[in-house]
Protein backbone atom coordinates (compact mmCIF):
# COMPACT_ATOMS: atom_id res chain seq x y z
CA MET A 1 7.18 -46.56 118.57
CA ARG A 2 9.20 -49.26 116.77
CA LEU A 3 11.82 -47.81 114.53
CA PRO A 4 13.08 -49.49 111.57
CA SER A 5 16.24 -51.37 111.52
CA ARG A 6 19.34 -50.11 110.06
CA THR A 7 19.16 -53.03 107.15
CA ALA A 8 15.67 -51.88 106.20
CA GLN A 9 16.67 -48.28 106.06
CA LEU A 10 19.71 -49.10 103.76
CA LEU A 11 17.34 -51.34 101.54
CA ALA A 12 14.92 -48.37 101.12
CA VAL A 13 17.97 -45.99 100.12
CA ALA A 14 19.14 -48.47 97.66
CA THR A 15 15.62 -48.91 96.04
CA LEU A 16 15.22 -45.30 95.43
CA PRO A 17 17.96 -45.11 92.56
CA LEU A 18 16.68 -48.26 90.97
CA ALA A 19 13.13 -46.66 90.76
CA LEU A 20 14.56 -43.59 89.18
CA ILE A 21 16.46 -45.75 86.50
CA ALA A 22 13.35 -47.54 85.78
CA THR A 23 11.51 -44.33 85.11
CA ALA A 24 14.22 -42.91 83.03
CA CYS A 25 14.52 -46.17 80.84
CA SER A 26 10.53 -45.82 80.53
CA SER A 27 10.83 -42.38 79.47
CA ASP A 28 13.33 -43.16 76.87
CA SER A 29 11.50 -46.03 75.46
CA THR A 30 8.38 -43.85 75.03
CA ALA A 31 10.53 -41.03 73.30
CA GLU A 32 11.87 -43.67 70.93
CA ALA A 33 8.46 -45.12 70.32
CA THR A 34 7.41 -41.52 69.51
CA THR A 35 10.20 -40.73 67.16
CA ALA A 36 9.79 -44.06 65.47
CA SER A 37 6.04 -43.13 64.50
CA PRO A 38 5.65 -43.01 60.60
CA ALA A 39 5.11 -39.68 59.06
CA PRO A 40 1.47 -39.10 57.65
CA THR A 41 0.95 -40.22 54.26
CA LYS A 42 0.86 -37.41 51.80
CA ALA A 43 -2.42 -37.20 49.78
CA LYS A 44 -1.90 -38.10 46.05
CA ASP A 45 -2.22 -35.04 43.64
CA PRO A 46 -5.36 -35.83 41.63
CA ASN A 47 -4.05 -34.24 38.59
CA GLU A 48 -0.63 -36.12 38.63
CA GLY A 49 0.16 -37.51 35.33
CA LEU A 50 -2.44 -35.46 33.54
CA LEU A 51 -1.36 -33.29 30.44
CA THR A 52 -1.42 -29.56 30.93
CA GLY A 53 -2.85 -27.09 28.46
CA THR A 54 0.70 -26.15 27.32
CA GLN A 55 1.17 -29.85 26.42
CA LEU A 56 -2.23 -30.21 24.83
CA LYS A 57 -1.63 -27.11 22.66
CA LYS A 58 1.50 -28.89 21.02
CA ALA A 59 -0.79 -31.98 20.26
CA LEU A 60 -3.25 -29.88 18.11
CA ALA A 61 -2.68 -30.08 14.44
CA PRO A 62 -0.17 -27.34 13.21
CA ALA A 63 -0.80 -24.67 10.58
CA SER A 64 1.13 -26.68 8.18
CA TYR A 65 -1.52 -29.41 8.45
CA PHE A 66 -4.44 -27.24 6.86
CA ALA A 67 -4.96 -26.42 3.33
CA ALA A 68 -3.76 -23.22 1.77
CA GLY A 69 -6.18 -20.41 2.44
CA PHE A 70 -6.85 -21.62 6.01
CA THR A 71 -5.82 -19.33 8.78
CA VAL A 72 -6.01 -19.60 12.66
CA ASP A 73 -8.59 -17.55 14.39
CA PRO A 74 -6.68 -15.74 17.33
CA GLU A 75 -10.16 -15.18 19.20
CA THR A 76 -10.48 -18.93 19.59
CA THR A 77 -7.07 -19.91 20.51
CA ARG A 78 -6.95 -20.72 23.93
CA ASP A 79 -5.57 -23.17 26.88
CA THR A 80 -5.15 -23.55 30.47
CA GLY A 81 -1.32 -23.10 30.35
CA ASP A 82 0.78 -24.88 32.94
CA THR A 83 -1.99 -24.89 35.62
CA TYR A 84 -4.99 -26.98 36.15
CA ARG A 85 -8.67 -25.92 36.75
CA ALA A 86 -10.86 -27.41 39.35
CA PRO A 87 -13.20 -29.90 37.69
CA ALA A 88 -16.66 -28.63 37.49
CA THR A 89 -20.20 -30.27 36.34
CA HIS A 90 -23.55 -28.70 35.49
CA ASN A 91 -26.98 -29.93 34.69
CA ALA A 92 -27.10 -31.33 31.06
CA ALA A 93 -30.63 -32.47 31.44
CA GLU A 94 -32.02 -29.50 29.36
CA PRO A 95 -29.16 -28.63 26.92
CA ASP A 96 -28.98 -25.79 24.69
CA CYS A 97 -28.87 -27.68 21.51
CA THR A 98 -27.80 -24.59 19.45
CA ARG A 99 -24.31 -24.98 21.03
CA PHE A 100 -23.74 -28.01 18.79
CA GLY A 101 -23.04 -25.45 16.12
CA SER A 102 -20.13 -23.71 17.74
CA THR A 103 -16.73 -24.12 19.40
CA GLY A 104 -16.64 -25.77 22.85
CA TRP A 105 -19.70 -27.93 22.05
CA ILE A 106 -18.01 -30.75 24.15
CA ASP A 107 -19.30 -28.80 27.27
CA LEU A 108 -22.62 -29.92 26.42
CA SER A 109 -21.75 -33.08 28.26
CA GLY A 110 -22.09 -31.09 31.53
CA ILE A 111 -18.51 -32.01 32.56
CA GLU A 112 -15.63 -29.65 32.46
CA GLY A 113 -12.05 -31.02 32.45
CA VAL A 114 -9.00 -29.81 34.31
CA SER A 115 -6.97 -28.74 31.50
CA PHE A 116 -7.58 -27.92 27.72
CA ALA A 117 -6.34 -26.41 24.37
CA GLN A 118 -8.17 -25.37 21.34
CA ASN A 119 -8.22 -23.25 18.35
CA THR A 120 -10.03 -22.72 14.90
CA TYR A 121 -8.96 -22.40 11.40
CA VAL A 122 -11.10 -20.80 8.82
CA GLY A 123 -11.02 -20.89 5.02
CA LYS A 124 -10.54 -17.49 3.59
CA ASN A 125 -12.15 -18.43 0.37
CA THR A 126 -14.83 -20.76 1.43
CA SER A 127 -15.60 -19.60 4.95
CA SER A 128 -15.28 -23.43 5.96
CA GLU A 129 -14.42 -24.01 9.47
CA LEU A 130 -12.23 -26.57 11.28
CA ASP A 131 -12.27 -26.45 15.07
CA GLN A 132 -10.06 -28.69 17.21
CA GLU A 133 -10.06 -29.02 21.00
CA ILE A 134 -8.49 -31.42 23.72
CA ASP A 135 -9.89 -31.62 27.04
CA VAL A 136 -8.32 -33.68 29.95
CA TYR A 137 -10.32 -35.15 33.05
CA ARG A 138 -9.37 -36.83 36.25
CA GLY A 139 -9.77 -40.58 36.73
CA THR A 140 -12.37 -42.24 34.42
CA THR A 141 -14.35 -39.03 33.76
CA SER A 142 -13.54 -39.04 30.25
CA THR A 143 -15.71 -42.17 29.78
CA ASP A 144 -18.52 -40.23 31.57
CA VAL A 145 -18.26 -37.48 28.97
CA MET A 146 -18.74 -39.85 26.09
CA THR A 147 -21.77 -41.47 27.69
CA ALA A 148 -23.10 -38.11 28.49
CA LEU A 149 -22.85 -36.85 24.83
CA THR A 150 -25.09 -39.70 23.72
CA LYS A 151 -27.73 -38.60 26.06
CA VAL A 152 -27.51 -34.94 25.01
CA VAL A 153 -27.81 -36.02 21.34
CA ALA A 154 -30.97 -38.08 22.23
CA ALA A 155 -32.24 -35.04 24.10
CA CYS A 156 -31.57 -32.77 21.06
CA PRO A 157 -33.17 -34.16 17.79
CA GLY A 158 -32.82 -30.52 16.35
CA TYR A 159 -33.01 -26.73 16.89
CA PRO A 160 -34.35 -23.71 14.81
CA ASP A 161 -31.70 -21.82 12.93
CA ALA A 162 -32.00 -18.20 13.90
CA ASP A 163 -30.50 -17.04 10.69
CA THR A 164 -32.37 -19.08 8.16
CA LYS A 165 -35.53 -19.58 10.15
CA SER A 166 -35.21 -23.39 9.30
CA LYS A 167 -34.81 -26.54 11.31
CA VAL A 168 -31.56 -28.05 12.07
CA LYS A 169 -31.60 -31.92 12.31
CA ILE A 170 -29.15 -33.59 14.70
CA THR A 171 -28.11 -37.22 14.67
CA GLY A 172 -25.40 -39.27 16.29
CA ALA A 173 -23.67 -42.54 16.02
CA ALA A 174 -20.80 -44.57 17.54
CA THR A 175 -17.70 -44.58 15.46
CA PRO A 176 -15.48 -47.58 15.50
CA GLY A 177 -11.64 -47.29 14.73
CA LEU A 178 -10.70 -43.89 16.38
CA GLY A 179 -9.00 -43.92 19.85
CA ASP A 180 -10.61 -45.91 22.88
CA ASP A 181 -14.06 -44.46 22.07
CA ALA A 182 -15.49 -42.32 19.43
CA TYR A 183 -18.93 -40.67 18.56
CA THR A 184 -19.75 -38.62 15.56
CA ILE A 185 -22.60 -36.08 15.43
CA THR A 186 -24.12 -34.64 12.15
CA LEU A 187 -25.97 -31.40 11.77
CA THR A 188 -27.95 -30.98 8.58
CA ASP A 189 -30.58 -28.36 7.38
CA ASP A 190 -32.25 -28.05 4.06
CA ALA A 191 -31.51 -24.37 3.98
CA TRP A 192 -27.70 -24.92 4.13
CA GLU A 193 -25.30 -25.76 1.32
CA SER A 194 -23.61 -28.33 3.44
CA GLY A 195 -23.99 -29.50 7.03
CA THR A 196 -21.60 -30.04 9.87
CA THR A 197 -19.79 -32.89 11.40
CA LEU A 198 -18.69 -33.26 15.00
CA VAL A 199 -16.43 -35.77 16.17
CA ALA A 200 -15.57 -36.73 19.85
CA VAL A 201 -12.65 -39.21 20.40
CA ARG A 202 -11.55 -40.55 23.77
CA VAL A 203 -7.92 -41.21 24.45
CA GLY A 204 -7.17 -42.31 28.01
CA THR A 205 -8.09 -39.45 30.15
CA ALA A 206 -8.50 -37.02 27.19
CA VAL A 207 -11.20 -36.22 24.82
CA VAL A 208 -10.56 -34.85 21.36
CA SER A 209 -13.29 -32.82 19.94
CA ILE A 210 -13.62 -31.70 16.24
CA LEU A 211 -16.08 -29.64 14.30
CA SER A 212 -16.02 -29.35 10.53
CA THR A 213 -17.91 -27.70 7.78
CA ASP A 214 -15.24 -28.17 5.26
CA GLY A 215 -16.53 -30.21 2.31
CA ALA A 216 -19.87 -30.98 0.39
CA ASP A 217 -20.16 -34.23 2.73
CA ASP A 218 -21.23 -32.21 5.67
CA GLY A 219 -17.60 -31.88 6.48
CA ALA A 220 -17.40 -35.58 7.38
CA ALA A 221 -14.15 -36.48 5.84
CA ALA A 222 -12.30 -33.42 7.00
CA ALA A 223 -13.56 -33.97 10.53
CA LYS A 224 -12.35 -37.58 10.64
CA LYS A 225 -9.07 -36.61 9.00
CA LEU A 226 -8.38 -34.02 11.65
CA ALA A 227 -9.49 -36.16 14.35
CA GLU A 228 -6.95 -38.98 13.33
CA GLN A 229 -4.24 -36.23 13.15
CA VAL A 230 -4.80 -34.96 16.71
CA VAL A 231 -5.37 -38.37 18.31
CA SER A 232 -2.00 -39.53 16.67
CA SER A 233 -0.05 -36.50 18.05
CA LEU A 234 -1.91 -36.85 21.57
CA LYS A 235 -0.68 -40.47 21.92
CA THR A 236 2.85 -39.08 21.73
CA ALA A 237 2.28 -35.94 23.90
CA ALA A 238 4.33 -35.59 27.01
């Protein structure tokens, strides 16, 4: 059997440390590459920048705005506080048209916002009603709400009044000059002394909704004035 020369043995021994060094360097490089990997990107909060119910409450018209004799109804005073709700939708293809005559009528759009604030002021001597509400939505959903309202009005030409047994007529029209987009709905009935005016105004991600029975003009002037007040306050809310 041929034995390796002493020179070959020495070369083999010398090669071993070099191999170990190369392996160590390779391990260090891998560790450095692993350490340098960027951290996973954190998902953006879908509610970032949206006003909370607490902030929206401050944008509602204060008690000092309303005429003497009007007082707030505590049962209709609500807001979502400092938290957000999960957005929700429901079928608006067959709406309950009677809801146009009550608070929260904006939900007839079939779309619920992530935050809101609302209250109602009632005239002690006249029983006139002024409702104000602000709802905030994610992304461009507020635009969808306005579009949905026009479709609901088209599907609701009227409804029977349970009290007077008469027919309530519903009409709607675009309203220029208010916010980014506005729509006015009018409810009239020959059996009523005066009708009801509803106004929806989009301001960015928010929709202001007003209900008014205050005034012989179906509450129209009072509704527009209150809408302008809330829109103005909302634009400076933070």
